N, C-alpha and C. Protein backbone atom coordinates (compact mmCIF):
# COMPACT_ATOMS: atom_id res chain seq x y z
N MET A 1 -23.24 13.27 11.58
CA MET A 1 -23.03 11.88 11.52
C MET A 1 -23.24 11.33 12.92
N THR A 2 -24.13 10.54 13.10
CA THR A 2 -24.36 10.05 14.41
C THR A 2 -23.55 8.73 14.70
N GLU A 3 -23.35 7.93 13.57
CA GLU A 3 -22.47 6.80 13.86
C GLU A 3 -21.07 7.17 13.80
N LYS A 4 -20.04 6.31 14.32
CA LYS A 4 -18.64 6.63 14.33
C LYS A 4 -17.93 6.51 13.05
N PHE A 5 -18.69 5.93 12.03
CA PHE A 5 -17.99 5.93 10.74
C PHE A 5 -19.05 5.78 9.65
N LYS A 6 -18.61 6.04 8.35
CA LYS A 6 -19.54 5.81 7.30
C LYS A 6 -18.74 5.39 6.13
N VAL A 7 -19.09 4.33 5.53
CA VAL A 7 -18.39 3.85 4.25
C VAL A 7 -18.88 4.60 3.02
N ILE A 8 -18.09 5.46 2.57
CA ILE A 8 -18.64 6.29 1.40
C ILE A 8 -18.32 5.73 0.06
N GLY A 9 -17.46 4.72 -0.08
CA GLY A 9 -17.20 4.13 -1.29
C GLY A 9 -16.42 2.74 -1.12
N LYS A 10 -16.61 1.82 -1.96
CA LYS A 10 -16.03 0.57 -1.88
C LYS A 10 -15.93 -0.24 -3.22
N TYR A 11 -14.68 -0.72 -3.47
CA TYR A 11 -14.55 -1.26 -4.77
C TYR A 11 -13.44 -2.32 -4.84
N ILE A 12 -13.42 -3.14 -5.88
CA ILE A 12 -12.26 -4.16 -5.97
C ILE A 12 -11.16 -3.35 -6.54
N LYS A 13 -10.04 -3.39 -5.69
CA LYS A 13 -8.80 -2.63 -6.12
C LYS A 13 -7.93 -3.58 -7.19
N ASP A 14 -7.90 -4.99 -6.75
CA ASP A 14 -7.19 -5.89 -7.35
C ASP A 14 -7.80 -7.29 -7.21
N MET A 15 -7.58 -7.96 -8.26
CA MET A 15 -8.16 -9.31 -8.11
C MET A 15 -7.17 -10.40 -8.94
N SER A 16 -6.87 -11.53 -8.42
CA SER A 16 -5.96 -12.35 -8.98
C SER A 16 -6.38 -13.95 -8.99
N SER A 17 -6.48 -14.54 -9.97
CA SER A 17 -6.60 -16.12 -10.09
C SER A 17 -5.62 -16.61 -10.92
N GLU A 18 -4.77 -17.65 -10.37
CA GLU A 18 -3.74 -18.21 -11.01
C GLU A 18 -3.73 -19.71 -10.84
N THR A 19 -3.86 -20.45 -12.01
CA THR A 19 -3.77 -21.81 -12.05
C THR A 19 -2.87 -22.09 -13.30
N PRO A 20 -1.74 -22.55 -13.12
CA PRO A 20 -0.63 -22.46 -14.09
C PRO A 20 -0.97 -23.44 -15.39
N ASP A 21 -1.51 -24.43 -15.16
CA ASP A 21 -1.76 -25.53 -16.18
C ASP A 21 -2.88 -26.48 -15.85
N LEU A 22 -3.16 -27.41 -16.83
CA LEU A 22 -4.30 -28.31 -16.73
C LEU A 22 -4.08 -29.30 -15.56
N GLU A 23 -2.89 -29.72 -15.43
CA GLU A 23 -2.60 -30.82 -14.34
C GLU A 23 -2.86 -30.12 -12.98
N THR A 24 -2.38 -28.82 -12.83
CA THR A 24 -2.66 -28.16 -11.62
C THR A 24 -4.04 -28.10 -11.31
N TYR A 25 -4.81 -27.59 -12.38
CA TYR A 25 -6.26 -27.33 -12.25
C TYR A 25 -6.95 -28.59 -11.76
N LEU A 26 -6.64 -29.87 -12.40
CA LEU A 26 -7.15 -31.03 -12.05
C LEU A 26 -6.90 -31.47 -10.55
N PHE A 27 -5.57 -31.19 -10.24
CA PHE A 27 -5.00 -31.49 -8.94
C PHE A 27 -5.87 -30.66 -7.86
N VAL A 28 -5.96 -29.38 -8.17
CA VAL A 28 -6.51 -28.35 -7.13
C VAL A 28 -8.06 -28.65 -7.11
N LYS A 29 -8.71 -29.05 -8.11
CA LYS A 29 -10.15 -29.50 -8.08
C LYS A 29 -10.43 -30.44 -7.04
N ASP A 30 -9.43 -31.55 -6.95
CA ASP A 30 -9.60 -32.56 -5.91
C ASP A 30 -9.21 -32.15 -4.43
N TYR A 31 -8.30 -31.22 -4.39
CA TYR A 31 -7.80 -30.79 -3.01
C TYR A 31 -8.25 -29.41 -2.63
N ILE A 32 -9.02 -28.71 -3.33
CA ILE A 32 -9.22 -27.41 -2.89
C ILE A 32 -10.08 -27.21 -1.57
N SER A 33 -10.57 -28.24 -1.16
CA SER A 33 -11.27 -28.25 0.24
C SER A 33 -10.18 -28.14 1.35
N LYS A 34 -8.92 -28.38 1.03
CA LYS A 34 -7.84 -28.13 1.99
C LYS A 34 -7.40 -26.62 2.00
N TYR A 35 -7.84 -25.83 1.02
CA TYR A 35 -7.33 -24.46 0.99
C TYR A 35 -7.90 -23.67 2.21
N GLN A 36 -7.19 -22.61 2.55
CA GLN A 36 -7.55 -21.92 3.73
C GLN A 36 -7.71 -20.36 3.33
N LEU A 37 -8.56 -19.81 3.99
CA LEU A 37 -8.85 -18.31 3.76
C LEU A 37 -7.88 -17.53 4.68
N GLY A 38 -7.24 -16.53 4.05
CA GLY A 38 -6.29 -15.64 5.07
C GLY A 38 -6.95 -14.28 4.68
N ILE A 39 -6.58 -13.41 5.71
CA ILE A 39 -7.12 -11.97 5.56
C ILE A 39 -5.90 -11.11 6.09
N ASP A 40 -5.88 -10.05 5.42
CA ASP A 40 -4.85 -8.97 5.84
C ASP A 40 -5.63 -7.56 5.56
N ILE A 41 -5.44 -6.75 6.71
CA ILE A 41 -6.13 -5.43 6.59
C ILE A 41 -5.04 -4.34 6.88
N THR A 42 -4.93 -3.45 5.92
CA THR A 42 -4.13 -2.15 6.00
C THR A 42 -4.98 -1.04 5.79
N SER A 43 -4.56 0.15 6.34
CA SER A 43 -5.22 1.37 6.12
C SER A 43 -4.23 2.51 6.18
N LYS A 44 -4.76 3.61 5.49
CA LYS A 44 -3.94 4.80 5.36
C LYS A 44 -4.80 5.99 5.34
N PRO A 45 -4.48 7.03 6.14
CA PRO A 45 -5.32 8.34 6.28
C PRO A 45 -5.27 9.10 4.83
N ILE A 46 -6.43 9.61 4.39
CA ILE A 46 -6.29 10.37 3.18
C ILE A 46 -6.34 11.88 3.51
N LYS A 47 -7.48 12.43 4.01
CA LYS A 47 -7.57 13.73 4.51
C LYS A 47 -9.05 13.87 5.00
N ASN A 48 -9.17 14.93 5.84
CA ASN A 48 -10.50 15.40 6.25
C ASN A 48 -11.24 14.21 6.90
N GLN A 49 -10.70 13.47 7.85
CA GLN A 49 -11.26 12.41 8.52
C GLN A 49 -11.62 11.07 7.63
N HIS A 50 -10.90 11.16 6.49
CA HIS A 50 -11.04 9.88 5.50
C HIS A 50 -10.06 9.08 5.65
N ILE A 51 -10.25 7.75 5.51
CA ILE A 51 -9.25 6.59 5.69
C ILE A 51 -9.55 5.62 4.45
N GLU A 52 -8.62 5.26 3.85
CA GLU A 52 -8.56 4.13 2.77
C GLU A 52 -8.26 2.84 3.50
N VAL A 53 -9.18 1.90 3.45
CA VAL A 53 -9.00 0.64 4.20
C VAL A 53 -8.88 -0.46 3.19
N ASN A 54 -7.76 -1.11 2.99
CA ASN A 54 -7.66 -2.23 2.02
C ASN A 54 -7.73 -3.66 2.80
N THR A 55 -8.50 -4.39 2.37
CA THR A 55 -8.73 -5.78 2.97
C THR A 55 -8.38 -6.78 1.88
N VAL A 56 -7.38 -7.51 2.28
CA VAL A 56 -6.91 -8.72 1.22
C VAL A 56 -7.41 -9.95 1.68
N LEU A 57 -8.10 -10.59 0.86
CA LEU A 57 -8.59 -12.07 1.13
C LEU A 57 -7.78 -12.98 0.16
N LYS A 58 -7.14 -14.09 0.78
CA LYS A 58 -6.32 -14.98 0.08
C LYS A 58 -7.01 -16.34 0.29
N PHE A 59 -7.23 -17.13 -0.73
CA PHE A 59 -7.57 -18.42 -0.67
C PHE A 59 -6.47 -19.40 -1.14
N GLU A 60 -5.77 -19.93 -0.17
CA GLU A 60 -4.57 -20.54 -0.61
C GLU A 60 -4.30 -21.82 0.11
N ASP A 61 -3.48 -22.81 -0.62
CA ASP A 61 -2.97 -24.05 0.09
C ASP A 61 -1.77 -23.78 0.79
N LYS A 62 -1.81 -24.01 2.05
CA LYS A 62 -0.68 -23.64 2.94
C LYS A 62 0.46 -24.82 3.05
N THR A 63 0.06 -25.91 2.33
CA THR A 63 1.02 -27.04 2.47
C THR A 63 2.06 -26.96 1.24
N GLU A 64 2.98 -27.88 1.21
CA GLU A 64 4.03 -27.77 0.28
C GLU A 64 3.91 -28.28 -1.00
N ASN A 65 2.62 -28.38 -1.47
CA ASN A 65 2.33 -28.93 -2.78
C ASN A 65 3.00 -28.12 -3.88
N LYS A 66 3.44 -28.90 -4.80
CA LYS A 66 3.99 -28.21 -6.11
C LYS A 66 2.94 -27.71 -6.88
N LYS A 67 1.67 -28.33 -7.04
CA LYS A 67 0.72 -27.83 -7.81
C LYS A 67 -0.35 -27.09 -6.94
N LYS A 68 -0.36 -25.83 -7.29
CA LYS A 68 -1.25 -24.95 -6.40
C LYS A 68 -2.01 -23.90 -7.34
N SER A 69 -3.13 -23.50 -6.95
CA SER A 69 -3.72 -22.29 -7.51
C SER A 69 -3.68 -21.23 -6.45
N HIS A 70 -3.68 -20.03 -6.93
CA HIS A 70 -3.68 -18.76 -6.18
C HIS A 70 -4.88 -17.90 -6.38
N PHE A 71 -5.54 -17.57 -5.36
CA PHE A 71 -6.82 -16.67 -5.48
C PHE A 71 -6.62 -15.58 -4.44
N GLU A 72 -6.74 -14.36 -4.94
CA GLU A 72 -6.57 -13.12 -4.03
C GLU A 72 -7.43 -12.03 -4.63
N ILE A 73 -8.00 -11.40 -3.46
CA ILE A 73 -8.71 -10.14 -4.02
C ILE A 73 -8.32 -9.04 -2.90
N THR A 74 -8.15 -7.84 -3.34
CA THR A 74 -7.95 -6.71 -2.60
C THR A 74 -9.10 -5.89 -2.76
N TYR A 75 -9.88 -5.56 -1.67
CA TYR A 75 -10.98 -4.81 -1.55
C TYR A 75 -10.80 -3.46 -0.95
N SER A 76 -11.02 -2.28 -1.58
CA SER A 76 -10.82 -1.12 -0.78
C SER A 76 -11.93 -0.38 -0.43
N SER A 77 -11.90 0.19 0.79
CA SER A 77 -13.12 1.04 1.36
C SER A 77 -12.62 2.33 1.64
N ILE A 78 -13.59 3.36 1.27
CA ILE A 78 -13.22 4.73 1.61
C ILE A 78 -14.09 4.99 2.87
N VAL A 79 -13.50 5.33 4.00
CA VAL A 79 -14.31 5.51 5.22
C VAL A 79 -14.05 6.87 5.73
N LYS A 80 -15.23 7.48 6.15
CA LYS A 80 -15.23 8.78 6.92
C LYS A 80 -15.44 8.52 8.29
N ILE A 81 -14.46 8.97 9.12
CA ILE A 81 -14.64 8.84 10.51
C ILE A 81 -15.14 10.02 11.22
N SER A 82 -16.05 9.73 12.23
CA SER A 82 -16.64 10.87 12.94
C SER A 82 -15.67 11.52 13.74
N GLU A 83 -15.86 12.84 13.82
CA GLU A 83 -14.89 13.72 14.68
C GLU A 83 -14.91 13.39 16.17
N GLU A 84 -16.00 12.54 16.58
CA GLU A 84 -15.99 12.23 17.82
C GLU A 84 -15.06 11.12 18.30
N VAL A 85 -14.45 10.37 17.25
CA VAL A 85 -13.49 9.44 17.49
C VAL A 85 -12.24 10.12 17.76
N LYS A 86 -11.63 9.90 18.95
CA LYS A 86 -10.31 10.50 19.25
C LYS A 86 -9.36 9.48 19.56
N GLU A 87 -9.76 8.43 20.34
CA GLU A 87 -8.87 7.46 20.78
C GLU A 87 -8.24 6.55 19.66
N LYS A 88 -7.10 6.12 19.65
CA LYS A 88 -6.49 5.35 18.76
C LYS A 88 -7.18 3.83 18.85
N GLU A 89 -7.46 3.47 19.89
CA GLU A 89 -7.99 2.05 20.05
C GLU A 89 -9.34 2.02 19.53
N GLU A 90 -10.11 3.17 19.69
CA GLU A 90 -11.49 3.23 18.98
C GLU A 90 -11.32 3.07 17.49
N LEU A 91 -10.43 3.83 16.93
CA LEU A 91 -10.21 3.96 15.50
C LEU A 91 -9.69 2.51 15.03
N GLN A 92 -8.88 1.94 15.85
CA GLN A 92 -8.38 0.63 15.44
C GLN A 92 -9.51 -0.49 15.31
N LYS A 93 -10.45 -0.40 16.37
CA LYS A 93 -11.57 -1.31 16.24
C LYS A 93 -12.59 -0.98 15.10
N ILE A 94 -12.65 0.28 14.83
CA ILE A 94 -13.52 0.62 13.56
C ILE A 94 -12.96 0.06 12.42
N ILE A 95 -11.60 0.28 12.15
CA ILE A 95 -10.98 -0.32 10.91
C ILE A 95 -10.97 -1.80 10.91
N LEU A 96 -10.60 -2.42 11.91
CA LEU A 96 -10.38 -3.96 11.89
C LEU A 96 -11.50 -4.80 12.20
N CYS A 97 -12.57 -4.21 12.68
CA CYS A 97 -13.82 -4.94 13.09
C CYS A 97 -15.03 -4.31 12.52
N ASP A 98 -15.40 -3.16 12.75
CA ASP A 98 -16.65 -2.53 12.24
C ASP A 98 -16.84 -2.44 10.83
N VAL A 99 -15.78 -1.85 10.15
CA VAL A 99 -15.77 -1.77 8.69
C VAL A 99 -15.74 -2.95 8.09
N GLN A 100 -14.93 -4.04 8.58
CA GLN A 100 -14.82 -5.33 7.92
C GLN A 100 -16.28 -6.13 8.09
N THR A 101 -16.82 -5.98 9.06
CA THR A 101 -18.17 -6.62 9.27
C THR A 101 -19.17 -6.04 8.21
N PHE A 102 -19.12 -4.79 8.06
CA PHE A 102 -19.96 -4.04 7.10
C PHE A 102 -19.69 -4.53 5.68
N ILE A 103 -18.40 -4.67 5.30
CA ILE A 103 -18.16 -4.89 3.91
C ILE A 103 -18.12 -6.28 3.63
N TYR A 104 -17.89 -7.23 4.71
CA TYR A 104 -17.59 -8.66 4.38
C TYR A 104 -18.59 -9.33 3.37
N PRO A 105 -19.91 -9.14 3.54
CA PRO A 105 -20.75 -9.83 2.62
C PRO A 105 -20.37 -9.54 1.00
N ASP A 106 -20.17 -8.31 0.71
CA ASP A 106 -19.79 -7.98 -0.64
C ASP A 106 -18.42 -8.56 -0.99
N LEU A 107 -17.46 -8.50 -0.06
CA LEU A 107 -16.18 -9.10 -0.33
C LEU A 107 -16.24 -10.57 -0.46
N GLU A 108 -16.93 -11.35 0.38
CA GLU A 108 -16.98 -12.73 0.22
C GLU A 108 -17.71 -13.13 -1.13
N LYS A 109 -18.63 -12.37 -1.44
CA LYS A 109 -19.37 -12.71 -2.67
C LYS A 109 -18.32 -12.48 -3.87
N SER A 110 -17.65 -11.49 -3.84
CA SER A 110 -16.55 -11.26 -4.93
C SER A 110 -15.60 -12.28 -5.04
N LEU A 111 -15.14 -12.77 -3.87
CA LEU A 111 -14.12 -13.97 -3.83
C LEU A 111 -14.78 -15.08 -4.38
N LEU A 112 -16.02 -15.37 -3.98
CA LEU A 112 -16.69 -16.74 -4.29
C LEU A 112 -16.97 -16.58 -5.93
N ASP A 113 -17.37 -15.35 -6.39
CA ASP A 113 -17.51 -15.18 -7.82
C ASP A 113 -16.12 -15.57 -8.59
N LEU A 114 -15.12 -15.10 -8.04
CA LEU A 114 -13.75 -15.24 -8.63
C LEU A 114 -13.45 -16.82 -8.66
N LEU A 115 -13.75 -17.58 -7.52
CA LEU A 115 -13.50 -18.93 -7.67
C LEU A 115 -14.27 -19.65 -8.47
N HIS A 116 -15.74 -19.31 -8.52
CA HIS A 116 -16.62 -19.95 -9.42
C HIS A 116 -16.26 -19.86 -10.92
N ASN A 117 -15.85 -18.50 -11.16
CA ASN A 117 -15.51 -18.20 -12.63
C ASN A 117 -14.12 -18.85 -12.95
N SER A 118 -13.30 -19.29 -11.93
CA SER A 118 -12.09 -19.82 -12.22
C SER A 118 -12.20 -21.40 -12.39
N GLY A 119 -13.42 -21.80 -12.43
CA GLY A 119 -13.49 -23.18 -12.66
C GLY A 119 -13.77 -24.20 -11.43
N TYR A 120 -14.07 -23.45 -10.38
CA TYR A 120 -14.49 -24.17 -9.08
C TYR A 120 -15.91 -23.81 -8.56
N PRO A 121 -16.87 -24.33 -9.26
CA PRO A 121 -18.27 -23.78 -8.92
C PRO A 121 -18.86 -24.21 -7.74
N ASP A 122 -18.24 -25.34 -7.07
CA ASP A 122 -18.82 -25.82 -5.82
C ASP A 122 -18.34 -25.33 -4.47
N ILE A 123 -17.37 -24.44 -4.67
CA ILE A 123 -16.79 -23.77 -3.43
C ILE A 123 -17.85 -22.97 -2.66
N LYS A 124 -17.78 -23.12 -1.33
CA LYS A 124 -18.76 -22.30 -0.38
C LYS A 124 -17.77 -22.06 0.85
N PHE A 125 -17.95 -21.02 1.45
CA PHE A 125 -17.43 -20.77 2.80
C PHE A 125 -18.45 -21.15 3.87
N GLU A 126 -18.27 -22.12 4.53
CA GLU A 126 -19.27 -22.66 5.53
C GLU A 126 -19.30 -21.75 6.81
N LYS A 127 -18.07 -21.32 7.22
CA LYS A 127 -18.08 -20.47 8.36
C LYS A 127 -17.77 -19.00 8.03
N LYS A 128 -18.55 -18.07 8.57
CA LYS A 128 -18.21 -16.55 8.37
C LYS A 128 -17.26 -16.07 9.23
N ILE A 129 -16.53 -15.03 8.82
CA ILE A 129 -15.43 -14.56 9.64
C ILE A 129 -15.95 -13.67 10.79
N ASP A 130 -15.77 -13.85 11.98
CA ASP A 130 -16.26 -13.12 13.03
C ASP A 130 -15.23 -12.17 13.45
N PHE A 131 -15.34 -10.94 12.82
CA PHE A 131 -14.31 -9.91 13.03
C PHE A 131 -14.28 -9.31 14.50
N GLU A 132 -15.40 -9.37 15.18
CA GLU A 132 -15.44 -8.93 16.67
C GLU A 132 -14.62 -9.94 17.45
N ASN A 133 -14.81 -11.34 17.09
CA ASN A 133 -14.05 -12.29 17.96
C ASN A 133 -12.58 -12.15 17.58
N LEU A 134 -12.22 -11.99 16.31
CA LEU A 134 -10.80 -11.93 15.89
C LEU A 134 -10.14 -10.73 16.67
N TYR A 135 -10.83 -9.64 16.69
CA TYR A 135 -10.35 -8.39 17.24
C TYR A 135 -10.05 -8.56 18.73
N ASN A 136 -11.12 -9.20 19.44
CA ASN A 136 -11.03 -9.41 20.80
C ASN A 136 -9.82 -10.35 21.22
N GLN A 137 -9.66 -11.36 20.38
CA GLN A 137 -8.55 -12.38 20.49
C GLN A 137 -7.12 -11.65 20.50
N LYS A 138 -7.12 -10.68 19.53
CA LYS A 138 -5.82 -10.03 19.37
C LYS A 138 -5.55 -8.99 20.34
N PHE A 139 -6.55 -8.26 20.78
CA PHE A 139 -6.36 -7.07 21.58
C PHE A 139 -6.85 -7.12 22.97
N ASN A 140 -7.45 -8.13 23.39
CA ASN A 140 -8.03 -8.31 24.75
C ASN A 140 -7.36 -9.38 25.43
């Protein structure tokens, strides 16, 4: 293995779309442009240099509206880490940045499919998540 990691499997672990009633749907349809994308990344070692990386994307209204829809997807990746990777910081960057950059096109498409199939066909994400930049902001 010449690269530092290899994604050997990826799948949707959990997916949720909740719109409680018609009034909420109609309200959200008008205000969904105010919704924000949130991301959370966790990982746990499996064995033999393998790690399960779970990436959770939430598309939600952060305001105090009573009428809200909730959209969330948990995307799981099974990653084999090269034996050359010894430093904790290097492993951290692989999990939080490199793996995310690799899986993000599929993850974003899955979330957009969920939104479109939930009755919001016009939703697009204009800006792509820059994992390298986020990582550098947090750790440098």
